Amino acid sequence: GRMQDMHEEATRVLAQADAPGAGLSKSARTQQNKVLSSLLDHWSGLSVFVDHPEVPMDNNRGENSIRTPVTGRKNDYGSGSIWSAELAATLFAILQTLVLWGINPRHWLLDYLTACAENGASPPAQIDAFLPWAMDDARRADLRRPYACRAPPAEPLPIGEDT
């Protein structure tokens, strides 16, 4: 098929690239060879989705899920505080787990922090109630509900000194 044809063409071009009079400068041939060699070296991974349609063509979901932690890494450790970087990493892991389970992180955080406050500003002794895989279905469903936004006021708020 097309993928096999592309592989064969890349192999042919790479084999001819070093031939005298290939039409490219030595520098351009070197760059082309690097690209084609890399393509051929990684071919099985780059084309796995052809034989296995259940494998997505890209990894956008995975890459997007770590974008915030990766871009924030410098800022989280920017103060030189190791504990803040560790806290950020832990929170990202927890929040991403909640998202993967379909749980609204705002509801979960409110629930967890309320439990901490009720326990004298300490984490609850029993953590299972906060683990998505250990929650009963009703609790998980309750934490999955959307976060309610405030409705705008029925009348515009007055602005200016006349009010």
N, C-alpha and C. Protein backbone atom coordinates (compact mmCIF):
# COMPACT_ATOMS: atom_id res chain seq x y z
N GLY A 1 0.81 -1.18 0.00
CA GLY A 1 0.00 0.00 0.00
C GLY A 1 0.87 1.26 0.00
N ARG A 2 0.22 2.35 0.29
CA ARG A 2 0.90 3.66 0.26
C ARG A 2 2.03 3.74 1.27
N MET A 3 1.82 3.19 2.47
CA MET A 3 2.87 3.27 3.49
C MET A 3 4.11 2.50 3.04
N GLN A 4 3.90 1.33 2.45
CA GLN A 4 5.03 0.54 1.96
C GLN A 4 5.74 1.29 0.84
N ASP A 5 4.97 1.92 -0.04
CA ASP A 5 5.57 2.70 -1.14
C ASP A 5 6.41 3.85 -0.59
N MET A 6 5.91 4.53 0.43
CA MET A 6 6.65 5.64 1.04
C MET A 6 7.94 5.14 1.67
N HIS A 7 7.87 3.99 2.34
CA HIS A 7 9.07 3.42 2.98
C HIS A 7 10.11 3.08 1.92
N GLU A 8 9.66 2.46 0.84
CA GLU A 8 10.59 2.09 -0.23
C GLU A 8 11.21 3.33 -0.88
N GLU A 9 10.42 4.37 -1.07
CA GLU A 9 10.93 5.61 -1.67
C GLU A 9 11.97 6.26 -0.76
N ALA A 10 11.71 6.29 0.54
CA ALA A 10 12.68 6.86 1.48
C ALA A 10 13.97 6.06 1.45
N THR A 11 13.87 4.75 1.39
CA THR A 11 15.05 3.89 1.33
C THR A 11 15.84 4.15 0.04
N ARG A 12 15.12 4.27 -1.09
CA ARG A 12 15.77 4.53 -2.38
C ARG A 12 16.49 5.87 -2.39
N VAL A 13 15.81 6.92 -1.89
CA VAL A 13 16.41 8.26 -1.87
C VAL A 13 17.65 8.27 -0.98
N LEU A 14 17.57 7.60 0.16
CA LEU A 14 18.72 7.55 1.07
C LEU A 14 19.89 6.84 0.40
N ALA A 15 19.62 5.75 -0.31
CA ALA A 15 20.69 5.01 -0.98
C ALA A 15 21.34 5.85 -2.08
N GLN A 16 20.56 6.66 -2.77
CA GLN A 16 21.09 7.48 -3.86
C GLN A 16 21.70 8.79 -3.39
N ALA A 17 21.42 9.19 -2.17
CA ALA A 17 21.84 10.51 -1.70
C ALA A 17 23.35 10.69 -1.72
N ASP A 18 24.09 9.62 -1.49
CA ASP A 18 25.54 9.74 -1.45
C ASP A 18 26.19 9.52 -2.82
N ALA A 19 25.39 9.19 -3.81
CA ALA A 19 25.94 8.95 -5.14
C ALA A 19 26.48 10.26 -5.72
N PRO A 20 27.60 10.19 -6.42
CA PRO A 20 28.15 11.41 -7.03
C PRO A 20 27.12 12.04 -7.97
N GLY A 21 27.06 13.35 -7.97
CA GLY A 21 26.14 14.05 -8.85
C GLY A 21 24.69 13.91 -8.42
N ALA A 22 24.45 13.73 -7.14
CA ALA A 22 23.08 13.56 -6.65
C ALA A 22 22.28 14.86 -6.73
N GLY A 23 22.94 15.95 -7.09
CA GLY A 23 22.23 17.20 -7.28
C GLY A 23 22.12 18.04 -6.02
N LEU A 24 22.69 17.61 -4.93
CA LEU A 24 22.64 18.37 -3.67
C LEU A 24 24.05 18.64 -3.18
N SER A 25 24.22 19.74 -2.49
CA SER A 25 25.52 20.01 -1.89
C SER A 25 25.77 18.97 -0.80
N LYS A 26 27.03 18.85 -0.39
CA LYS A 26 27.36 17.87 0.64
C LYS A 26 26.59 18.16 1.92
N SER A 27 26.46 19.43 2.29
CA SER A 27 25.74 19.82 3.50
C SER A 27 24.26 19.44 3.40
N ALA A 28 23.66 19.71 2.24
CA ALA A 28 22.24 19.38 2.04
C ALA A 28 22.05 17.86 2.06
N ARG A 29 22.99 17.12 1.43
CA ARG A 29 22.89 15.65 1.45
C ARG A 29 23.00 15.13 2.87
N THR A 30 23.89 15.72 3.67
CA THR A 30 24.05 15.29 5.06
C THR A 30 22.76 15.49 5.84
N GLN A 31 22.15 16.65 5.68
CA GLN A 31 20.88 16.93 6.37
C GLN A 31 19.78 15.98 5.89
N GLN A 32 19.71 15.78 4.58
CA GLN A 32 18.71 14.88 4.01
C GLN A 32 18.92 13.46 4.54
N ASN A 33 20.17 13.02 4.59
CA ASN A 33 20.47 11.68 5.09
C ASN A 33 20.05 11.52 6.55
N LYS A 34 20.28 12.57 7.35
CA LYS A 34 19.88 12.50 8.76
C LYS A 34 18.37 12.32 8.89
N VAL A 35 17.63 13.11 8.11
CA VAL A 35 16.17 13.05 8.17
C VAL A 35 15.68 11.68 7.71
N LEU A 36 16.18 11.23 6.56
CA LEU A 36 15.73 9.95 6.03
C LEU A 36 16.15 8.78 6.91
N SER A 37 17.35 8.85 7.46
CA SER A 37 17.80 7.79 8.37
C SER A 37 16.91 7.73 9.61
N SER A 38 16.58 8.87 10.15
CA SER A 38 15.70 8.92 11.32
C SER A 38 14.32 8.36 10.96
N LEU A 39 13.82 8.75 9.80
CA LEU A 39 12.53 8.25 9.34
C LEU A 39 12.54 6.72 9.25
N LEU A 40 13.57 6.17 8.64
CA LEU A 40 13.66 4.72 8.49
C LEU A 40 13.86 4.03 9.84
N ASP A 41 14.67 4.63 10.72
CA ASP A 41 14.90 4.04 12.04
C ASP A 41 13.62 3.97 12.87
N HIS A 42 12.75 4.97 12.70
CA HIS A 42 11.53 5.04 13.51
C HIS A 42 10.28 4.62 12.75
N TRP A 43 10.45 4.02 11.58
CA TRP A 43 9.33 3.72 10.70
C TRP A 43 8.25 2.88 11.39
N SER A 44 8.65 1.84 12.10
CA SER A 44 7.64 0.96 12.70
C SER A 44 6.76 1.72 13.70
N GLY A 45 7.36 2.62 14.46
CA GLY A 45 6.57 3.40 15.41
C GLY A 45 5.73 4.47 14.73
N LEU A 46 6.26 5.04 13.65
CA LEU A 46 5.54 6.10 12.95
C LEU A 46 4.35 5.57 12.15
N SER A 47 4.38 4.30 11.80
CA SER A 47 3.31 3.75 10.96
C SER A 47 2.46 2.70 11.67
N VAL A 48 2.62 2.55 12.97
CA VAL A 48 1.88 1.51 13.70
C VAL A 48 0.37 1.68 13.58
N PHE A 49 -0.11 2.91 13.48
CA PHE A 49 -1.55 3.17 13.40
C PHE A 49 -2.18 2.61 12.13
N VAL A 50 -1.36 2.34 11.09
CA VAL A 50 -1.91 1.79 9.85
C VAL A 50 -2.40 0.36 10.08
N ASP A 51 -1.60 -0.44 10.77
CA ASP A 51 -1.99 -1.83 11.04
C ASP A 51 -2.87 -1.96 12.27
N HIS A 52 -2.86 -0.95 13.12
CA HIS A 52 -3.64 -0.98 14.37
C HIS A 52 -4.45 0.31 14.47
N PRO A 53 -5.65 0.34 13.86
CA PRO A 53 -6.44 1.57 13.86
C PRO A 53 -6.86 2.05 15.24
N GLU A 54 -6.78 1.19 16.25
CA GLU A 54 -7.12 1.62 17.61
C GLU A 54 -6.07 2.55 18.20
N VAL A 55 -4.89 2.58 17.60
CA VAL A 55 -3.82 3.47 18.05
C VAL A 55 -3.99 4.81 17.35
N PRO A 56 -4.11 5.91 18.12
CA PRO A 56 -4.28 7.21 17.48
C PRO A 56 -3.02 7.61 16.69
N MET A 57 -3.23 8.42 15.65
CA MET A 57 -2.11 8.88 14.82
C MET A 57 -1.21 9.85 15.56
N ASP A 58 -1.75 10.50 16.57
CA ASP A 58 -0.95 11.46 17.32
C ASP A 58 -1.11 11.21 18.81
N ASN A 59 -0.34 11.92 19.58
CA ASN A 59 -0.38 11.78 21.03
C ASN A 59 -0.84 13.10 21.66
N ASN A 60 -1.70 13.83 20.96
CA ASN A 60 -2.12 15.14 21.45
C ASN A 60 -2.73 15.08 22.84
N ARG A 61 -3.55 14.05 23.11
CA ARG A 61 -4.19 13.97 24.43
C ARG A 61 -3.12 13.86 25.52
N GLY A 62 -2.15 12.99 25.30
CA GLY A 62 -1.08 12.83 26.28
C GLY A 62 -0.22 14.07 26.41
N GLU A 63 0.12 14.65 25.27
CA GLU A 63 0.96 15.85 25.29
C GLU A 63 0.23 17.03 25.93
N ASN A 64 -1.04 17.19 25.61
CA ASN A 64 -1.80 18.29 26.20
C ASN A 64 -1.99 18.11 27.69
N SER A 65 -2.08 16.85 28.14
CA SER A 65 -2.30 16.62 29.57
C SER A 65 -1.09 17.02 30.41
N ILE A 66 0.09 17.04 29.81
CA ILE A 66 1.28 17.43 30.58
C ILE A 66 1.77 18.84 30.25
N ARG A 67 1.08 19.53 29.35
CA ARG A 67 1.53 20.86 28.94
C ARG A 67 1.65 21.82 30.12
N THR A 68 0.62 21.89 30.96
CA THR A 68 0.65 22.82 32.09
C THR A 68 1.78 22.49 33.06
N PRO A 69 1.93 21.22 33.48
CA PRO A 69 3.05 20.95 34.38
C PRO A 69 4.41 21.24 33.77
N VAL A 70 4.55 20.96 32.49
CA VAL A 70 5.86 21.19 31.85
C VAL A 70 6.15 22.68 31.76
N THR A 71 5.18 23.47 31.32
CA THR A 71 5.43 24.90 31.21
C THR A 71 5.53 25.57 32.57
N GLY A 72 4.89 25.01 33.56
CA GLY A 72 4.93 25.59 34.90
C GLY A 72 6.12 25.15 35.73
N ARG A 73 6.84 24.15 35.25
CA ARG A 73 7.93 23.58 36.04
C ARG A 73 8.93 24.64 36.49
N LYS A 74 9.31 25.53 35.59
CA LYS A 74 10.27 26.58 35.94
C LYS A 74 9.70 27.49 37.02
N ASN A 75 8.45 27.88 36.85
CA ASN A 75 7.83 28.77 37.83
C ASN A 75 7.65 28.09 39.18
N ASP A 76 7.30 26.82 39.16
CA ASP A 76 7.06 26.10 40.42
C ASP A 76 8.35 25.98 41.23
N TYR A 77 9.46 25.90 40.55
CA TYR A 77 10.74 25.78 41.25
C TYR A 77 11.51 27.09 41.19
N GLY A 78 10.87 28.11 40.62
CA GLY A 78 11.54 29.40 40.43
C GLY A 78 12.03 30.02 41.72
N SER A 79 11.35 29.77 42.84
CA SER A 79 11.78 30.35 44.10
C SER A 79 12.90 29.54 44.74
N GLY A 80 13.24 28.43 44.13
CA GLY A 80 14.29 27.57 44.69
C GLY A 80 13.77 26.67 45.80
N SER A 81 12.47 26.64 45.97
CA SER A 81 11.87 25.84 47.02
C SER A 81 11.51 24.46 46.49
N ILE A 82 12.19 23.46 46.98
CA ILE A 82 11.93 22.09 46.53
C ILE A 82 10.52 21.66 46.93
N TRP A 83 10.08 22.04 48.15
CA TRP A 83 8.76 21.60 48.60
C TRP A 83 7.66 22.13 47.68
N SER A 84 7.83 23.36 47.13
CA SER A 84 6.78 23.90 46.26
C SER A 84 6.73 23.15 44.93
N ALA A 85 7.88 22.75 44.42
CA ALA A 85 7.91 21.97 43.19
C ALA A 85 7.29 20.60 43.43
N GLU A 86 7.58 19.99 44.58
CA GLU A 86 7.00 18.68 44.90
C GLU A 86 5.49 18.79 45.09
N LEU A 87 5.04 19.86 45.75
CA LEU A 87 3.61 20.07 45.94
C LEU A 87 2.91 20.24 44.59
N ALA A 88 3.50 21.04 43.72
CA ALA A 88 2.90 21.26 42.39
C ALA A 88 2.81 19.94 41.62
N ALA A 89 3.86 19.14 41.66
CA ALA A 89 3.85 17.86 40.95
C ALA A 89 2.77 16.94 41.51
N THR A 90 2.64 16.91 42.83
CA THR A 90 1.61 16.08 43.47
C THR A 90 0.22 16.55 43.08
N LEU A 91 0.00 17.86 43.13
CA LEU A 91 -1.31 18.40 42.78
C LEU A 91 -1.65 18.13 41.31
N PHE A 92 -0.69 18.30 40.42
CA PHE A 92 -0.95 18.00 39.01
C PHE A 92 -1.34 16.54 38.84
N ALA A 93 -0.64 15.64 39.52
CA ALA A 93 -0.96 14.21 39.41
C ALA A 93 -2.37 13.93 39.93
N ILE A 94 -2.71 14.50 41.08
CA ILE A 94 -4.04 14.29 41.66
C ILE A 94 -5.12 14.85 40.74
N LEU A 95 -4.95 16.09 40.32
CA LEU A 95 -5.97 16.74 39.49
C LEU A 95 -6.13 16.05 38.14
N GLN A 96 -5.03 15.60 37.55
CA GLN A 96 -5.13 14.90 36.27
C GLN A 96 -5.83 13.55 36.45
N THR A 97 -5.58 12.88 37.57
CA THR A 97 -6.28 11.63 37.86
C THR A 97 -7.77 11.87 37.96
N LEU A 98 -8.16 12.93 38.66
CA LEU A 98 -9.58 13.27 38.78
C LEU A 98 -10.20 13.52 37.41
N VAL A 99 -9.50 14.27 36.57
CA VAL A 99 -10.01 14.56 35.23
C VAL A 99 -10.19 13.26 34.45
N LEU A 100 -9.23 12.36 34.53
CA LEU A 100 -9.33 11.09 33.81
C LEU A 100 -10.52 10.25 34.30
N TRP A 101 -10.88 10.39 35.56
CA TRP A 101 -12.04 9.69 36.13
C TRP A 101 -13.33 10.46 35.89
N GLY A 102 -13.26 11.61 35.25
CA GLY A 102 -14.44 12.40 34.97
C GLY A 102 -14.96 13.17 36.17
N ILE A 103 -14.14 13.35 37.17
CA ILE A 103 -14.54 14.05 38.40
C ILE A 103 -14.17 15.52 38.27
N ASN A 104 -15.08 16.38 38.68
CA ASN A 104 -14.86 17.82 38.63
C ASN A 104 -13.87 18.19 39.74
N PRO A 105 -12.66 18.63 39.39
CA PRO A 105 -11.65 18.94 40.41
C PRO A 105 -12.10 19.99 41.42
N ARG A 106 -12.92 20.95 41.01
CA ARG A 106 -13.38 21.98 41.95
C ARG A 106 -14.23 21.36 43.06
N HIS A 107 -15.16 20.48 42.68
CA HIS A 107 -16.00 19.83 43.69
C HIS A 107 -15.14 18.97 44.62
N TRP A 108 -14.21 18.24 44.02
CA TRP A 108 -13.35 17.36 44.82
C TRP A 108 -12.51 18.17 45.80
N LEU A 109 -11.89 19.26 45.31
CA LEU A 109 -11.07 20.10 46.19
C LEU A 109 -11.89 20.72 47.32
N LEU A 110 -13.08 21.21 46.99
CA LEU A 110 -13.95 21.77 48.03
C LEU A 110 -14.28 20.72 49.07
N ASP A 111 -14.61 19.52 48.61
CA ASP A 111 -14.94 18.42 49.51
C ASP A 111 -13.73 18.04 50.38
N TYR A 112 -12.57 17.91 49.74
CA TYR A 112 -11.37 17.50 50.47
C TYR A 112 -10.92 18.58 51.47
N LEU A 113 -10.89 19.83 51.03
CA LEU A 113 -10.45 20.91 51.93
C LEU A 113 -11.43 21.12 53.08
N THR A 114 -12.72 20.91 52.83
CA THR A 114 -13.71 20.97 53.91
C THR A 114 -13.43 19.87 54.93
N ALA A 115 -13.14 18.68 54.44
CA ALA A 115 -12.81 17.57 55.35
C ALA A 115 -11.55 17.88 56.16
N CYS A 116 -10.57 18.51 55.53
CA CYS A 116 -9.35 18.91 56.25
C CYS A 116 -9.68 19.93 57.33
N ALA A 117 -10.51 20.92 57.01
CA ALA A 117 -10.89 21.94 57.99
C ALA A 117 -11.64 21.31 59.16
N GLU A 118 -12.53 20.38 58.85
CA GLU A 118 -13.30 19.71 59.90
C GLU A 118 -12.43 18.79 60.75
N ASN A 119 -11.26 18.46 60.25
CA ASN A 119 -10.34 17.59 60.97
C ASN A 119 -9.21 18.41 61.61
N GLY A 120 -9.51 19.64 61.98
CA GLY A 120 -8.52 20.46 62.67
C GLY A 120 -7.38 20.89 61.78
N ALA A 121 -7.65 21.22 60.52
CA ALA A 121 -6.65 21.66 59.55
C ALA A 121 -5.62 20.58 59.25
N SER A 122 -6.05 19.32 59.33
CA SER A 122 -5.19 18.18 59.00
C SER A 122 -5.90 17.30 57.97
N PRO A 123 -5.14 16.57 57.19
CA PRO A 123 -5.78 15.66 56.24
C PRO A 123 -6.64 14.64 56.98
N PRO A 124 -7.74 14.22 56.37
CA PRO A 124 -8.58 13.21 57.01
C PRO A 124 -7.81 11.91 57.22
N ALA A 125 -8.11 11.24 58.32
CA ALA A 125 -7.42 9.98 58.63
C ALA A 125 -7.73 8.93 57.57
N GLN A 126 -8.96 8.93 57.08
CA GLN A 126 -9.38 7.95 56.07
C GLN A 126 -9.41 8.62 54.70
N ILE A 127 -8.44 8.31 53.87
CA ILE A 127 -8.31 8.96 52.57
C ILE A 127 -9.12 8.27 51.48
N ASP A 128 -9.56 7.03 51.71
CA ASP A 128 -10.27 6.26 50.68
C ASP A 128 -11.49 6.99 50.12
N ALA A 129 -12.16 7.77 50.95
CA ALA A 129 -13.36 8.48 50.48
C ALA A 129 -13.02 9.49 49.38
N PHE A 130 -11.75 9.80 49.21
CA PHE A 130 -11.34 10.80 48.22
C PHE A 130 -10.65 10.19 47.01
N LEU A 131 -10.47 8.88 47.00
CA LEU A 131 -9.84 8.19 45.87
C LEU A 131 -10.92 7.78 44.88
N PRO A 132 -10.84 8.21 43.62
CA PRO A 132 -11.91 7.93 42.66
C PRO A 132 -12.26 6.44 42.55
N TRP A 133 -11.27 5.58 42.58
CA TRP A 133 -11.51 4.14 42.42
C TRP A 133 -12.09 3.50 43.67
N ALA A 134 -12.04 4.21 44.80
CA ALA A 134 -12.58 3.66 46.04
C ALA A 134 -13.94 4.26 46.40
N MET A 135 -14.38 5.28 45.67
CA MET A 135 -15.66 5.94 45.95
C MET A 135 -16.81 5.05 45.48
N ASP A 136 -17.95 5.19 46.16
CA ASP A 136 -19.13 4.50 45.65
C ASP A 136 -19.68 5.31 44.46
N ASP A 137 -20.54 4.66 43.68
CA ASP A 137 -21.04 5.28 42.45
C ASP A 137 -21.77 6.59 42.70
N ALA A 138 -22.54 6.67 43.79
CA ALA A 138 -23.31 7.89 44.08
C ALA A 138 -22.38 9.06 44.36
N ARG A 139 -21.33 8.81 45.13
CA ARG A 139 -20.38 9.89 45.46
C ARG A 139 -19.63 10.34 44.21
N ARG A 140 -19.22 9.37 43.40
CA ARG A 140 -18.52 9.70 42.16
C ARG A 140 -19.43 10.53 41.25
N ALA A 141 -20.70 10.14 41.14
CA ALA A 141 -21.66 10.89 40.31
C ALA A 141 -21.85 12.31 40.84
N ASP A 142 -21.90 12.46 42.17
CA ASP A 142 -22.06 13.78 42.76
C ASP A 142 -20.86 14.68 42.44
N LEU A 143 -19.67 14.11 42.46
CA LEU A 143 -18.46 14.90 42.19
C LEU A 143 -18.24 15.14 40.69
N ARG A 144 -19.01 14.47 39.85
CA ARG A 144 -18.88 14.67 38.40
C ARG A 144 -19.75 15.82 37.89
N ARG A 145 -20.65 16.31 38.70
CA ARG A 145 -21.56 17.36 38.22
C ARG A 145 -20.76 18.60 37.83
N PRO A 146 -21.28 19.35 36.86
CA PRO A 146 -20.58 20.57 36.44
C PRO A 146 -20.54 21.59 37.57
N TYR A 147 -19.57 22.45 37.50
CA TYR A 147 -19.45 23.51 38.50
C TYR A 147 -20.41 24.62 38.11
N ALA A 148 -21.27 24.99 39.04
CA ALA A 148 -22.27 26.03 38.76
C ALA A 148 -21.60 27.40 38.70
N CYS A 149 -21.91 28.11 37.67
CA CYS A 149 -21.42 29.49 37.54
C CYS A 149 -22.49 30.42 38.08
N ARG A 150 -22.07 31.55 38.59
CA ARG A 150 -23.03 32.55 39.05
C ARG A 150 -23.79 33.11 37.86
N ALA A 151 -25.09 33.25 38.04
CA ALA A 151 -25.90 33.86 36.99
C ALA A 151 -25.69 35.37 37.05
N PRO A 152 -25.70 36.02 35.91
CA PRO A 152 -25.55 37.48 35.93
C PRO A 152 -26.78 38.10 36.60
N PRO A 153 -26.64 39.26 37.19
CA PRO A 153 -27.79 39.89 37.84
C PRO A 153 -28.88 40.21 36.82
N ALA A 154 -30.14 40.16 37.29
CA ALA A 154 -31.27 40.43 36.39
C ALA A 154 -31.21 41.86 35.86
N GLU A 155 -30.83 42.79 36.72
CA GLU A 155 -30.70 44.19 36.34
C GLU A 155 -29.22 44.55 36.31
N PRO A 156 -28.81 45.38 35.38
CA PRO A 156 -27.40 45.80 35.38
C PRO A 156 -27.06 46.52 36.68
N LEU A 157 -25.87 46.30 37.15
CA LEU A 157 -25.42 46.98 38.36
C LEU A 157 -25.21 48.46 38.05
N PRO A 158 -25.64 49.34 38.95
CA PRO A 158 -25.46 50.78 38.70
C PRO A 158 -23.98 51.16 38.74
N ILE A 159 -23.61 52.06 37.88
CA ILE A 159 -22.23 52.52 37.80
C ILE A 159 -22.23 54.04 37.88
N GLY A 160 -21.30 54.58 38.61
CA GLY A 160 -21.18 56.04 38.68
C GLY A 160 -21.54 56.57 40.05
N GLU A 161 -21.46 57.88 40.19
CA GLU A 161 -21.68 58.52 41.49
C GLU A 161 -23.15 58.76 41.78
N ASP A 162 -24.02 58.64 40.81
CA ASP A 162 -25.45 58.90 41.02
C ASP A 162 -26.12 57.82 41.85
N THR A 163 -25.48 56.71 42.05
CA THR A 163 -26.13 55.57 42.70
C THR A 163 -25.97 55.55 44.18
